[in-house]
């Protein structure tokens, strides 16, 4: 491995480490505990093994993120369906209330008319 290749590998490993570190910042609870599937890459002395370790961690985190994204999208879709159903029910109930209010108004008018007819 030439010096340039070692430098490039080191830069790549640094970027991967920065990405993994950024993910730990986003997940505050994850920084305080071990995450199943992640490896401790700082123990590796050889740069190629450390790079491979970091790449495995990044792949694991990407898979976890993709899985969580799918689950979240599924939950959002279910919630959207529930909201649409509830909105339809509310619209139906409003129509029923309007009809009942019209019936009440009609009954009041007929009752008022009947009282006026009885007084004459």
PDB file of N, CA and C in Angstrom:
ATOM      1  N   UNK A   1       0.861  -1.166   0.000  1.00  0.00           N
ATOM      2  CA  UNK A   1       0.000   0.000   0.000  1.00  0.00           C
ATOM      3  C   UNK A   1       0.911   1.233   0.000  1.00  0.00           C
ATOM      4  N   UNK A   2       0.667   2.131  -0.938  1.00  0.00           N
ATOM      5  CA  UNK A   2       1.498   3.333  -1.033  1.00  0.00           C
ATOM      6  C   UNK A   2       1.062   4.340   0.018  1.00  0.00           C
ATOM      7  N   UNK A   3       1.883   5.345   0.174  1.00  0.00           N
ATOM      8  CA  UNK A   3       1.569   6.383   1.155  1.00  0.00           C
ATOM      9  C   UNK A   3       0.281   7.098   0.776  1.00  0.00           C
ATOM     10  N   UNK A   4       0.053   7.319  -0.503  1.00  0.00           N
ATOM     11  CA  UNK A   4      -1.170   7.993  -0.969  1.00  0.00           C
ATOM     12  C   UNK A   4      -2.399   7.139  -0.669  1.00  0.00           C
ATOM     13  N   UNK A   5      -2.295   5.823  -0.895  1.00  0.00           N
ATOM     14  CA  UNK A   5      -3.415   4.936  -0.598  1.00  0.00           C
ATOM     15  C   UNK A   5      -3.709   4.905   0.897  1.00  0.00           C
ATOM     16  N   UNK A   6      -2.641   4.881   1.723  1.00  0.00           N
ATOM     17  CA  UNK A   6      -2.852   4.914   3.174  1.00  0.00           C
ATOM     18  C   UNK A   6      -3.531   6.210   3.595  1.00  0.00           C
ATOM     19  N   UNK A   7      -3.099   7.325   2.985  1.00  0.00           N
ATOM     20  CA  UNK A   7      -3.699   8.626   3.306  1.00  0.00           C
ATOM     21  C   UNK A   7      -5.174   8.626   2.917  1.00  0.00           C
ATOM     22  N   UNK A   8      -5.495   8.112   1.714  1.00  0.00           N
ATOM     23  CA  UNK A   8      -6.883   8.063   1.247  1.00  0.00           C
ATOM     24  C   UNK A   8      -7.722   7.176   2.158  1.00  0.00           C
ATOM     25  N   UNK A   9      -7.179   6.028   2.542  1.00  0.00           N
ATOM     26  CA  UNK A   9      -7.907   5.127   3.441  1.00  0.00           C
ATOM     27  C   UNK A   9      -8.134   5.791   4.793  1.00  0.00           C
ATOM     28  N   UNK A  10      -7.128   6.517   5.267  1.00  0.00           N
ATOM     29  CA  UNK A  10      -7.276   7.216   6.540  1.00  0.00           C
ATOM     30  C   UNK A  10      -8.330   8.308   6.462  1.00  0.00           C
ATOM     31  N   UNK A  11      -8.363   9.017   5.340  1.00  0.00           N
ATOM     32  CA  UNK A  11      -9.375  10.066   5.161  1.00  0.00           C
ATOM     33  C   UNK A  11     -10.765   9.447   5.117  1.00  0.00           C
ATOM     34  N   UNK A  12     -10.899   8.329   4.419  1.00  0.00           N
ATOM     35  CA  UNK A  12     -12.185   7.648   4.325  1.00  0.00           C
ATOM     36  C   UNK A  12     -12.619   7.170   5.706  1.00  0.00           C
ATOM     37  N   UNK A  13     -11.687   6.603   6.456  1.00  0.00           N
ATOM     38  CA  UNK A  13     -12.007   6.136   7.807  1.00  0.00           C
ATOM     39  C   UNK A  13     -12.411   7.309   8.692  1.00  0.00           C
ATOM     40  N   UNK A  14     -11.745   8.446   8.527  1.00  0.00           N
ATOM     41  CA  UNK A  14     -12.105   9.627   9.303  1.00  0.00           C
ATOM     42  C   UNK A  14     -13.507  10.112   8.982  1.00  0.00           C
ATOM     43  N   UNK A  15     -13.863  10.078   7.699  1.00  0.00           N
ATOM     44  CA  UNK A  15     -15.220  10.494   7.301  1.00  0.00           C
ATOM     45  C   UNK A  15     -16.264   9.540   7.869  1.00  0.00           C
ATOM     46  N   UNK A  16     -15.953   8.257   7.807  1.00  0.00           N
ATOM     47  CA  UNK A  16     -16.891   7.271   8.341  1.00  0.00           C
ATOM     48  C   UNK A  16     -17.035   7.454   9.849  1.00  0.00           C
ATOM     49  N   UNK A  17     -15.920   7.669  10.526  1.00  0.00           N
ATOM     50  CA  UNK A  17     -15.972   7.887  11.975  1.00  0.00           C
ATOM     51  C   UNK A  17     -16.781   9.138  12.299  1.00  0.00           C
ATOM     52  N   UNK A  18     -16.628  10.178  11.482  1.00  0.00           N
ATOM     53  CA  UNK A  18     -17.402  11.398  11.702  1.00  0.00           C
ATOM     54  C   UNK A  18     -18.894  11.131  11.501  1.00  0.00           C
ATOM     55  N   UNK A  19     -19.227  10.327  10.480  1.00  0.00           N
ATOM     56  CA  UNK A  19     -20.633   9.997  10.236  1.00  0.00           C
ATOM     57  C   UNK A  19     -21.210   9.201  11.397  1.00  0.00           C
ATOM     58  N   UNK A  20     -20.459   8.238  11.891  1.00  0.00           N
ATOM     59  CA  UNK A  20     -20.924   7.436  13.028  1.00  0.00           C
ATOM     60  C   UNK A  20     -21.071   8.328  14.261  1.00  0.00           C
ATOM     61  N   UNK A  21     -20.112   9.223  14.467  1.00  0.00           N
ATOM     62  CA  UNK A  21     -20.202  10.150  15.591  1.00  0.00           C
ATOM     63  C   UNK A  21     -21.409  11.052  15.493  1.00  0.00           C
ATOM     64  N   UNK A  22     -21.715  11.500  14.271  1.00  0.00           N
ATOM     65  CA  UNK A  22     -22.895  12.350  14.070  1.00  0.00           C
ATOM     66  C   UNK A  22     -24.167  11.584  14.401  1.00  0.00           C
ATOM     67  N   UNK A  23     -24.205  10.299  14.050  1.00  0.00           N
ATOM     68  CA  UNK A  23     -25.386   9.498  14.386  1.00  0.00           C
ATOM     69  C   UNK A  23     -25.541   9.357  15.892  1.00  0.00           C
ATOM     70  N   UNK A  24     -24.428   9.245  16.612  1.00  0.00           N
ATOM     71  CA  UNK A  24     -24.511   9.154  18.065  1.00  0.00           C
ATOM     72  C   UNK A  24     -24.991  10.469  18.673  1.00  0.00           C
ATOM     73  N   UNK A  25     -24.690  11.580  18.037  1.00  0.00           N
ATOM     74  CA  UNK A  25     -25.179  12.866  18.528  1.00  0.00           C
ATOM     75  C   UNK A  25     -26.693  12.933  18.348  1.00  0.00           C
ATOM     76  N   UNK A  26     -27.184  12.405  17.221  1.00  0.00           N
ATOM     77  CA  UNK A  26     -28.629  12.419  16.969  1.00  0.00           C
ATOM     78  C   UNK A  26     -29.369  11.479  17.896  1.00  0.00           C
ATOM     79  N   UNK A  27     -28.732  10.435  18.332  1.00  0.00           N
ATOM     80  CA  UNK A  27     -29.354   9.465  19.209  1.00  0.00           C
ATOM     81  C   UNK A  27     -28.702   9.571  20.587  1.00  0.00           C
ATOM     82  N   UNK A  28     -29.140  10.533  21.425  1.00  0.00           N
ATOM     83  CA  UNK A  28     -28.461  10.753  22.695  1.00  0.00           C
ATOM     84  C   UNK A  28     -28.467   9.540  23.610  1.00  0.00           C
ATOM     85  N   UNK A  29     -29.533   8.773  23.611  1.00  0.00           N
ATOM     86  CA  UNK A  29     -29.583   7.602  24.483  1.00  0.00           C
ATOM     87  C   UNK A  29     -28.615   6.529  23.997  1.00  0.00           C
ATOM     88  N   UNK A  30     -28.356   6.496  22.700  1.00  0.00           N
ATOM     89  CA  UNK A  30     -27.485   5.465  22.149  1.00  0.00           C
ATOM     90  C   UNK A  30     -26.035   5.683  22.564  1.00  0.00           C
ATOM     91  N   UNK A  31     -25.628   6.913  22.804  1.00  0.00           N
ATOM     92  CA  UNK A  31     -24.255   7.181  23.180  1.00  0.00           C
ATOM     93  C   UNK A  31     -23.902   6.647  24.552  1.00  0.00           C
ATOM     94  N   UNK A  32     -24.895   6.477  25.403  1.00  0.00           N
ATOM     95  CA  UNK A  32     -24.645   6.050  26.774  1.00  0.00           C
ATOM     96  C   UNK A  32     -24.702   4.539  26.937  1.00  0.00           C
ATOM     97  N   UNK A  33     -25.082   3.831  25.899  1.00  0.00           N
ATOM     98  CA  UNK A  33     -25.210   2.392  26.031  1.00  0.00           C
ATOM     99  C   UNK A  33     -24.640   1.705  24.804  1.00  0.00           C
ATOM    100  N   UNK A  34     -24.364   0.427  24.930  1.00  0.00           N
ATOM    101  CA  UNK A  34     -23.891  -0.342  23.788  1.00  0.00           C
ATOM    102  C   UNK A  34     -25.052  -0.590  22.848  1.00  0.00           C
ATOM    103  N   UNK A  35     -24.772  -0.569  21.573  1.00  0.00           N
ATOM    104  CA  UNK A  35     -25.788  -0.854  20.567  1.00  0.00           C
ATOM    105  C   UNK A  35     -25.466  -2.208  19.975  1.00  0.00           C
ATOM    106  N   UNK A  36     -26.402  -3.117  20.043  1.00  0.00           N
ATOM    107  CA  UNK A  36     -26.187  -4.451  19.515  1.00  0.00           C
ATOM    108  C   UNK A  36     -25.925  -4.353  18.020  1.00  0.00           C
ATOM    109  N   UNK A  37     -24.848  -4.938  17.547  1.00  0.00           N
ATOM    110  CA  UNK A  37     -24.506  -4.908  16.134  1.00  0.00           C
ATOM    111  C   UNK A  37     -23.349  -3.974  15.819  1.00  0.00           C
ATOM    112  N   UNK A  38     -23.072  -3.014  16.696  1.00  0.00           N
ATOM    113  CA  UNK A  38     -21.947  -2.102  16.476  1.00  0.00           C
ATOM    114  C   UNK A  38     -20.690  -2.686  17.110  1.00  0.00           C
ATOM    115  N   UNK A  39     -19.596  -2.477  16.441  1.00  0.00           N
ATOM    116  CA  UNK A  39     -18.319  -2.959  16.945  1.00  0.00           C
ATOM    117  C   UNK A  39     -17.503  -1.783  17.463  1.00  0.00           C
ATOM    118  N   UNK A  40     -16.636  -2.038  18.420  1.00  0.00           N
ATOM    119  CA  UNK A  40     -15.713  -1.024  18.913  1.00  0.00           C
ATOM    120  C   UNK A  40     -14.497  -1.056  17.987  1.00  0.00           C
ATOM    121  N   UNK A  41     -14.344  -0.018  17.196  1.00  0.00           N
ATOM    122  CA  UNK A  41     -13.299  -0.007  16.171  1.00  0.00           C
ATOM    123  C   UNK A  41     -12.000   0.614  16.667  1.00  0.00           C
ATOM    124  N   UNK A  42     -11.998   1.241  17.810  1.00  0.00           N
ATOM    125  CA  UNK A  42     -10.795   1.912  18.291  1.00  0.00           C
ATOM    126  C   UNK A  42      -9.734   0.922  18.749  1.00  0.00           C
ATOM    127  N   UNK A  43     -10.131  -0.322  19.012  1.00  0.00           N
ATOM    128  CA  UNK A  43      -9.174  -1.327  19.470  1.00  0.00           C
ATOM    129  C   UNK A  43      -8.313  -1.859  18.329  1.00  0.00           C
ATOM    130  N   UNK A  44      -8.768  -1.680  17.096  1.00  0.00           N
ATOM    131  CA  UNK A  44      -8.028  -2.177  15.938  1.00  0.00           C
ATOM    132  C   UNK A  44      -6.790  -1.319  15.698  1.00  0.00           C
ATOM    133  N   UNK A  45      -5.655  -1.971  15.500  1.00  0.00           N
ATOM    134  CA  UNK A  45      -4.398  -1.247  15.261  1.00  0.00           C
ATOM    135  C   UNK A  45      -4.147  -1.063  13.763  1.00  0.00           C
ATOM    136  N   UNK A  46      -4.558  -2.032  12.970  1.00  0.00           N
ATOM    137  CA  UNK A  46      -4.313  -1.943  11.532  1.00  0.00           C
ATOM    138  C   UNK A  46      -5.392  -1.069  10.884  1.00  0.00           C
ATOM    139  N   UNK A  47      -4.942  -0.146  10.025  1.00  0.00           N
ATOM    140  CA  UNK A  47      -5.864   0.821   9.430  1.00  0.00           C
ATOM    141  C   UNK A  47      -6.912   0.140   8.549  1.00  0.00           C
ATOM    142  N   UNK A  48      -6.529  -0.897   7.804  1.00  0.00           N
ATOM    143  CA  UNK A  48      -7.499  -1.550   6.930  1.00  0.00           C
ATOM    144  C   UNK A  48      -8.552  -2.289   7.751  1.00  0.00           C
ATOM    145  N   UNK A  49      -8.142  -2.885   8.856  1.00  0.00           N
ATOM    146  CA  UNK A  49      -9.128  -3.549   9.725  1.00  0.00           C
ATOM    147  C   UNK A  49     -10.031  -2.525  10.402  1.00  0.00           C
ATOM    148  N   UNK A  50      -9.455  -1.398  10.834  1.00  0.00           N
ATOM    149  CA  UNK A  50     -10.255  -0.343  11.453  1.00  0.00           C
ATOM    150  C   UNK A  50     -11.241   0.231  10.449  1.00  0.00           C
ATOM    151  N   UNK A  51     -10.790   0.433   9.211  1.00  0.00           N
ATOM    152  CA  UNK A  51     -11.668   0.941   8.160  1.00  0.00           C
ATOM    153  C   UNK A  51     -12.804  -0.028   7.895  1.00  0.00           C
ATOM    154  N   UNK A  52     -12.468  -1.322   7.820  1.00  0.00           N
ATOM    155  CA  UNK A  52     -13.501  -2.342   7.618  1.00  0.00           C
ATOM    156  C   UNK A  52     -14.500  -2.357   8.762  1.00  0.00           C
ATOM    157  N   UNK A  53     -14.003  -2.199   9.961  1.00  0.00           N
ATOM    158  CA  UNK A  53     -14.869  -2.161  11.139  1.00  0.00           C
ATOM    159  C   UNK A  53     -15.814  -0.970  11.070  1.00  0.00           C
ATOM    160  N   UNK A  54     -15.271   0.182  10.732  1.00  0.00           N
ATOM    161  CA  UNK A  54     -16.103   1.388  10.634  1.00  0.00           C
ATOM    162  C   UNK A  54     -17.125   1.257   9.508  1.00  0.00           C
ATOM    163  N   UNK A  55     -16.700   0.665   8.401  1.00  0.00           N
ATOM    164  CA  UNK A  55     -17.635   0.469   7.293  1.00  0.00           C
ATOM    165  C   UNK A  55     -18.753  -0.481   7.694  1.00  0.00           C
ATOM    166  N   UNK A  56     -18.417  -1.523   8.444  1.00  0.00           N
ATOM    167  CA  UNK A  56     -19.452  -2.448   8.926  1.00  0.00           C
ATOM    168  C   UNK A  56     -20.419  -1.723   9.851  1.00  0.00           C
ATOM    169  N   UNK A  57     -19.905  -0.850  10.705  1.00  0.00           N
ATOM    170  CA  UNK A  57     -20.778  -0.071  11.589  1.00  0.00           C
ATOM    171  C   UNK A  57     -21.697   0.845  10.788  1.00  0.00           C
ATOM    172  N   UNK A  58     -21.142   1.496   9.768  1.00  0.00           N
ATOM    173  CA  UNK A  58     -21.953   2.394   8.949  1.00  0.00           C
ATOM    174  C   UNK A  58     -23.031   1.610   8.228  1.00  0.00           C
ATOM    175  N   UNK A  59     -22.675   0.446   7.673  1.00  0.00           N
ATOM    176  CA  UNK A  59     -23.681  -0.379   6.994  1.00  0.00           C
ATOM    177  C   UNK A  59     -24.763  -0.816   7.964  1.00  0.00           C
ATOM    178  N   UNK A  60     -24.369  -1.213   9.164  1.00  0.00           N
ATOM    179  CA  UNK A  60     -25.353  -1.615  10.170  1.00  0.00           C
ATOM    180  C   UNK A  60     -26.290  -0.458  10.494  1.00  0.00           C
ATOM    181  N   UNK A  61     -25.724   0.726  10.699  1.00  0.00           N
ATOM    182  CA  UNK A  61     -26.552   1.888  11.038  1.00  0.00           C
ATOM    183  C   UNK A  61     -27.460   2.281   9.878  1.00  0.00           C
ATOM    184  N   UNK A  62     -26.976   2.157   8.648  1.00  0.00           N
ATOM    185  CA  UNK A  62     -27.820   2.467   7.491  1.00  0.00           C
ATOM    186  C   UNK A  62     -28.979   1.482   7.402  1.00  0.00           C
ATOM    187  N   UNK A  63     -28.713   0.209   7.643  1.00  0.00           N
ATOM    188  CA  UNK A  63     -29.789  -0.784   7.629  1.00  0.00           C
ATOM    189  C   UNK A  63     -30.803  -0.497   8.731  1.00  0.00           C
ATOM    190  N   UNK A  64     -30.315  -0.151   9.908  1.00  0.00           N
ATOM    191  CA  UNK A  64     -31.220   0.167  11.014  1.00  0.00           C
ATOM    192  C   UNK A  64     -32.051   1.402  10.685  1.00  0.00           C
ATOM    193  N   UNK A  65     -31.414   2.403  10.104  1.00  0.00           N
ATOM    194  CA  UNK A  65     -32.126   3.622   9.730  1.00  0.00           C
ATOM    195  C   UNK A  65     -33.172   3.336   8.660  1.00  0.00           C
ATOM    196  N   UNK A  66     -32.831   2.513   7.675  1.00  0.00           N
ATOM    197  CA  UNK A  66     -33.797   2.147   6.637  1.00  0.00           C
ATOM    198  C   UNK A  66     -34.980   1.383   7.221  1.00  0.00           C
ATOM    199  N   UNK A  67     -34.692   0.474   8.141  1.00  0.00           N
ATOM    200  CA  UNK A  67     -35.769  -0.295   8.778  1.00  0.00           C
ATOM    201  C   UNK A  67     -36.693   0.635   9.568  1.00  0.00           C
ATOM    202  N   UNK A  68     -36.100   1.534  10.340  1.00  0.00           N
ATOM    203  CA  UNK A  68     -36.907   2.472  11.125  1.00  0.00           C
ATOM    204  C   UNK A  68     -37.699   3.412  10.225  1.00  0.00           C
ATOM    205  N   UNK A  69     -37.116   3.797   9.099  1.00  0.00           N
ATOM    206  CA  UNK A  69     -37.833   4.648   8.152  1.00  0.00           C
ATOM    207  C   UNK A  69     -39.052   3.923   7.599  1.00  0.00           C
ATOM    208  N   UNK A  70     -38.871   2.654   7.216  1.00  0.00           N
ATOM    209  CA  UNK A  70     -40.011   1.873   6.708  1.00  0.00           C
ATOM    210  C   UNK A  70     -41.098   1.734   7.768  1.00  0.00           C
ATOM    211  N   UNK A  71     -40.693   1.434   8.996  1.00  0.00           N
ATOM    212  CA  UNK A  71     -41.674   1.286  10.077  1.00  0.00           C
ATOM    213  C   UNK A  71     -42.412   2.592  10.330  1.00  0.00           C
ATOM    214  N   UNK A  72     -41.690   3.703  10.319  1.00  0.00           N
ATOM    215  CA  UNK A  72     -42.311   5.009  10.558  1.00  0.00           C
ATOM    216  C   UNK A  72     -43.268   5.361   9.439  1.00  0.00           C
ATOM    217  N   UNK A  73     -42.863   5.106   8.186  1.00  0.00           N
ATOM    218  CA  UNK A  73     -43.746   5.384   7.053  1.00  0.00           C
ATOM    219  C   UNK A  73     -45.014   4.543   7.145  1.00  0.00           C
ATOM    220  N   UNK A  74     -44.874   3.295   7.573  1.00  0.00           N
ATOM    221  CA  UNK A  74     -46.036   2.422   7.733  1.00  0.00           C
ATOM    222  C   UNK A  74     -46.982   2.965   8.806  1.00  0.00           C
ATOM    223  N   UNK A  75     -46.403   3.417   9.918  1.00  0.00           N
ATOM    224  CA  UNK A  75     -47.225   3.973  10.995  1.00  0.00           C
ATOM    225  C   UNK A  75     -47.896   5.275  10.560  1.00  0.00           C
ATOM    226  N   UNK A  76     -47.178   6.101   9.810  1.00  0.00           N
ATOM    227  CA  UNK A  76     -47.770   7.349   9.314  1.00  0.00           C
ATOM    228  C   UNK A  76     -48.909   7.072   8.348  1.00  0.00           C
ATOM    229  N   UNK A  77     -48.739   6.080   7.482  1.00  0.00           N
ATOM    230  CA  UNK A  77     -49.797   5.728   6.533  1.00  0.00           C
ATOM    231  C   UNK A  77     -51.036   5.224   7.281  1.00  0.00           C
ATOM    232  N   UNK A  78     -50.827   4.405   8.306  1.00  0.00           N
ATOM    233  CA  UNK A  78     -51.956   3.909   9.102  1.00  0.00           C
ATOM    234  C   UNK A  78     -52.653   5.059   9.818  1.00  0.00           C
ATOM    235  N   UNK A  79     -51.877   5.993  10.353  1.00  0.00           N
ATOM    236  CA  UNK A  79     -52.475   7.148  11.028  1.00  0.00           C
ATOM    237  C   UNK A  79     -53.250   8.015  10.042  1.00  0.00           C
ATOM    238  N   UNK A  80     -52.739   8.163   8.831  1.00  0.00           N
ATOM    239  CA  UNK A  80     -53.443   8.952   7.816  1.00  0.00           C
ATOM    240  C   UNK A  80     -54.771   8.287   7.451  1.00  0.00           C
ATOM    241  N   UNK A  81     -54.760   6.955   7.355  1.00  0.00           N
ATOM    242  CA  UNK A  81     -56.029   6.250   7.076  1.00  0.00           C
ATOM    243  C   UNK A  81     -57.018   6.443   8.217  1.00  0.00           C
ATOM    244  N   UNK A  82     -56.533   6.361   9.464  1.00  0.00           N
ATOM    245  CA  UNK A  82     -57.409   6.562  10.617  1.00  0.00           C
ATOM    246  C   UNK A  82     -57.985   7.972  10.634  1.00  0.00           C
ATOM    247  N   UNK A  83     -57.168   8.948  10.301  1.00  0.00           N
ATOM    248  CA  UNK A  83     -57.638  10.340  10.262  1.00  0.00           C
ATOM    249  C   UNK A  83     -58.688  10.519   9.190  1.00  0.00           C
ATOM    250  N   UNK A  84     -58.468   9.924   8.010  1.00  0.00           N
ATOM    251  CA  UNK A  84     -59.451  10.034   6.925  1.00  0.00           C
ATOM    252  C   UNK A  84     -60.777   9.406   7.330  1.00  0.00           C
ATOM    253  N   UNK A  85     -60.715   8.265   8.005  1.00  0.00           N
ATOM    254  CA  UNK A  85     -61.938   7.606   8.482  1.00  0.00           C
ATOM    255  C   UNK A  85     -62.649   8.484   9.504  1.00  0.00           C
ATOM    256  N   UNK A  86     -61.904   9.054  10.431  1.00  0.00           N
ATOM    257  CA  UNK A  86     -62.503   9.914  11.449  1.00  0.00           C
ATOM    258  C   UNK A  86     -63.119  11.160  10.818  1.00  0.00           C
ATOM    259  N   UNK A  87     -62.460  11.736   9.817  1.00  0.00           N
ATOM    260  CA  UNK A  87     -63.009  12.912   9.144  1.00  0.00           C
ATOM    261  C   UNK A  87     -64.312  12.573   8.423  1.00  0.00           C
ATOM    262  N   UNK A  88     -64.372  11.402   7.817  1.00  0.00           N
ATOM    263  CA  UNK A  88     -65.609  10.977   7.156  1.00  0.00           C
ATOM    264  C   UNK A  88     -66.733  10.801   8.174  1.00  0.00           C
ATOM    265  N   UNK A  89     -66.404  10.224   9.323  1.00  0.00           N
ATOM    266  CA  UNK A  89     -67.410  10.052  10.373  1.00  0.00           C
ATOM    267  C   UNK A  89     -67.883  11.400  10.901  1.00  0.00           C
ATOM    268  N   UNK A  90     -66.972  12.341  11.078  1.00  0.00           N
ATOM    269  CA  UNK A  90     -67.349  13.675  11.548  1.00  0.00           C
ATOM    270  C   UNK A  90     -68.261  14.364  10.529  1.00  0.00           C
ATOM    271  N   UNK A  91     -67.944  14.220   9.252  1.00  0.00           N
ATOM    272  CA  UNK A  91     -68.793  14.829   8.216  1.00  0.00           C
ATOM    273  C   UNK A  91     -70.187  14.223   8.235  1.00  0.00           C
ATOM    274  N   UNK A  92     -70.273  12.911   8.400  1.00  0.00           N
ATOM    275  CA  UNK A  92     -71.578  12.250   8.471  1.00  0.00           C
ATOM    276  C   UNK A  92     -72.351  12.717   9.696  1.00  0.00           C
ATOM    277  N   UNK A  93     -71.680  12.840  10.830  1.00  0.00           N
ATOM    278  CA  UNK A  93     -72.347  13.306  12.048  1.00  0.00           C
ATOM    279  C   UNK A  93     -72.819  14.748  11.914  1.00  0.00           C
ATOM    280  N   UNK A  94     -72.025  15.598  11.249  1.00  0.00           N
ATOM    281  CA  UNK A  94     -72.444  16.978  11.031  1.00  0.00           C
ATOM    282  C   UNK A  94     -73.700  17.024  10.165  1.00  0.00           C
ATOM    283  N   UNK A  95     -73.744  16.199   9.135  1.00  0.00           N
ATOM    284  CA  UNK A  95     -74.930  16.159   8.271  1.00  0.00           C
ATOM    285  C   UNK A  95     -76.150  15.710   9.071  1.00  0.00           C
ATOM    286  N   UNK A  96     -75.958  14.754   9.952  1.00  0.00           N
ATOM    287  CA  UNK A  96     -77.060  14.284  10.791  1.00  0.00           C
ATOM    288  C   UNK A  96     -77.525  15.386  11.736  1.00  0.00           C
ATOM    289  N   UNK A  97     -76.599  16.119  12.333  1.00  0.00           N
ATOM    290  CA  UNK A  97     -76.954  17.213  13.244  1.00  0.00           C
ATOM    291  C   UNK A  97     -77.719  18.292  12.492  1.00  0.00           C
ATOM    292  N   UNK A  98     -77.286  18.639  11.282  1.00  0.00           N
ATOM    293  CA  UNK A  98     -77.990  19.656  10.483  1.00  0.00           C
ATOM    294  C   UNK A  98     -79.411  19.198  10.181  1.00  0.00           C
ATOM    295  N   UNK A  99     -79.564  17.919   9.794  1.00  0.00           N
ATOM    296  CA  UNK A  99     -80.904  17.387   9.504  1.00  0.00           C
ATOM    297  C   UNK A  99     -81.778  17.408  10.751  1.00  0.00           C
ATOM    298  N   UNK A 100     -81.225  16.990  11.883  1.00  0.00           N
ATOM    299  CA  UNK A 100     -82.005  16.987  13.124  1.00  0.00           C
ATOM    300  C   UNK A 100     -82.389  18.407  13.539  1.00  0.00           C
ATOM    301  N   UNK A 101     -81.478  19.371  13.349  1.00  0.00           N
ATOM    302  CA  UNK A 101     -81.784  20.761  13.674  1.00  0.00           C
ATOM    303  C   UNK A 101     -82.915  21.281  12.797  1.00  0.00           C
ATOM    304  N   UNK A 102     -82.886  20.897  11.512  1.00  0.00           N
ATOM    305  CA  UNK A 102     -83.971  21.308  10.606  1.00  0.00           C
ATOM    306  C   UNK A 102     -85.297  20.692  11.044  1.00  0.00           C
ATOM    307  N   UNK A 103     -85.268  19.431  11.458  1.00  0.00           N
ATOM    308  CA  UNK A 103     -86.492  18.773  11.942  1.00  0.00           C
ATOM    309  C   UNK A 103     -87.014  19.463  13.198  1.00  0.00           C
ATOM    310  N   UNK A 104     -86.111  19.832  14.112  1.00  0.00           N
ATOM    311  CA  UNK A 104     -86.518  20.528  15.337  1.00  0.00           C
ATOM    312  C   UNK A 104     -87.146  21.878  14.996  1.00  0.00           C
ATOM    313  N   UNK A 105     -86.534  22.617  14.083  1.00  0.00           N
ATOM    314  CA  UNK A 105     -87.091  23.915  13.679  1.00  0.00           C
ATOM    315  C   UNK A 105     -88.475  23.748  13.067  1.00  0.00           C
ATOM    316  N   UNK A 106     -88.629  22.714  12.239  1.00  0.00           N
ATOM    317  CA  UNK A 106     -89.932  22.469  11.609  1.00  0.00           C
ATOM    318  C   UNK A 106     -90.979  22.120  12.664  1.00  0.00           C
ATOM    319  N   UNK A 107     -90.614  21.301  13.650  1.00  0.00           N
ATOM    320  CA  UNK A 107     -91.549  20.936  14.714  1.00  0.00           C
ATOM    321  C   UNK A 107     -91.919  22.155  15.566  1.00  0.00           C
ATOM    322  N   UNK A 108     -90.951  23.033  15.824  1.00  0.00           N
ATOM    323  CA  UNK A 108     -91.250  24.246  16.590  1.00  0.00           C
ATOM    324  C   UNK A 108     -92.224  25.142  15.832  1.00  0.00           C
ATOM    325  N   UNK A 109     -92.004  25.268  14.524  1.00  0.00           N
ATOM    326  CA  UNK A 109     -92.912  26.098  13.714  1.00  0.00           C
ATOM    327  C   UNK A 109     -94.313  25.515  13.698  1.00  0.00           C
ATOM    328  N   UNK A 110     -94.395  24.186  13.553  1.00  0.00           N
ATOM    329  CA  UNK A 110     -95.726  23.573  13.526  1.00  0.00           C
ATOM    330  C   UNK A 110     -96.388  23.674  14.901  1.00  0.00           C
ATOM    331  N   UNK A 111     -95.610  23.581  15.970  1.00  0.00           N
ATOM    332  CA  UNK A 111     -96.172  23.731  17.307  1.00  0.00           C
ATOM    333  C   UNK A 111     -96.652  25.161  17.516  1.00  0.00           C
ATOM    334  N   UNK A 112     -95.911  26.144  17.033  1.00  0.00           N
ATOM    335  CA  UNK A 112     -96.316  27.537  17.161  1.00  0.00           C
ATOM    336  C   UNK A 112     -97.576  27.790  16.331  1.00  0.00           C
ATOM    337  N   UNK A 113     -97.656  27.202  15.172  1.00  0.00           N
ATOM    338  CA  UNK A 113     -98.837  27.353  14.315  1.00  0.00           C
ATOM    339  C   UNK A 113    -100.042  26.723  14.981  1.00  0.00           C
ATOM    340  N   UNK A 114     -99.886  25.558  15.584  1.00  0.00           N
ATOM    341  CA  UNK A 114    -100.980  24.877  16.271  1.00  0.00           C
ATOM    342  C   UNK A 114    -101.468  25.715  17.452  1.00  0.00           C
ATOM    343  N   UNK A 115    -100.590  26.366  18.200  1.00  0.00           N
ATOM    344  CA  UNK A 115    -100.992  27.213  19.314  1.00  0.00           C
ATOM    345  C   UNK A 115    -101.783  28.400  18.814  1.00  0.00           C
ATOM    346  N   UNK A 116    -101.356  28.984  17.718  1.00  0.00           N
ATOM    347  CA  UNK A 116    -102.082  30.122  17.147  1.00  0.00           C
ATOM    348  C   UNK A 116    -103.456  29.710  16.649  1.00  0.00           C
ATOM    349  N   UNK A 117    -103.576  28.512  16.076  1.00  0.00           N
ATOM    350  CA  UNK A 117    -104.870  28.016  15.585  1.00  0.00           C
ATOM    351  C   UNK A 117    -105.817  27.736  16.753  1.00  0.00           C
ATOM    352  N   UNK A 118    -105.296  27.263  17.901  1.00  0.00           N
ATOM    353  CA  UNK A 118    -106.120  26.948  19.051  1.00  0.00           C
ATOM    354  C   UNK A 118    -106.649  28.264  19.673  1.00  0.00           C
ATOM    355  N   UNK A 119    -105.892  29.325  19.653  1.00  0.00           N
ATOM    356  CA  UNK A 119    -106.293  30.599  20.259  1.00  0.00           C
ATOM    357  C   UNK A 119    -107.400  31.261  19.456  1.00  0.00           C
ATOM    358  N   UNK A 120    -107.483  31.028  18.198  1.00  0.00           N
ATOM    359  CA  UNK A 120    -108.499  31.701  17.372  1.00  0.00           C
ATOM    360  C   UNK A 120    -109.812  31.137  17.614  1.00  0.00           C
TER     361      UNK A 120
END
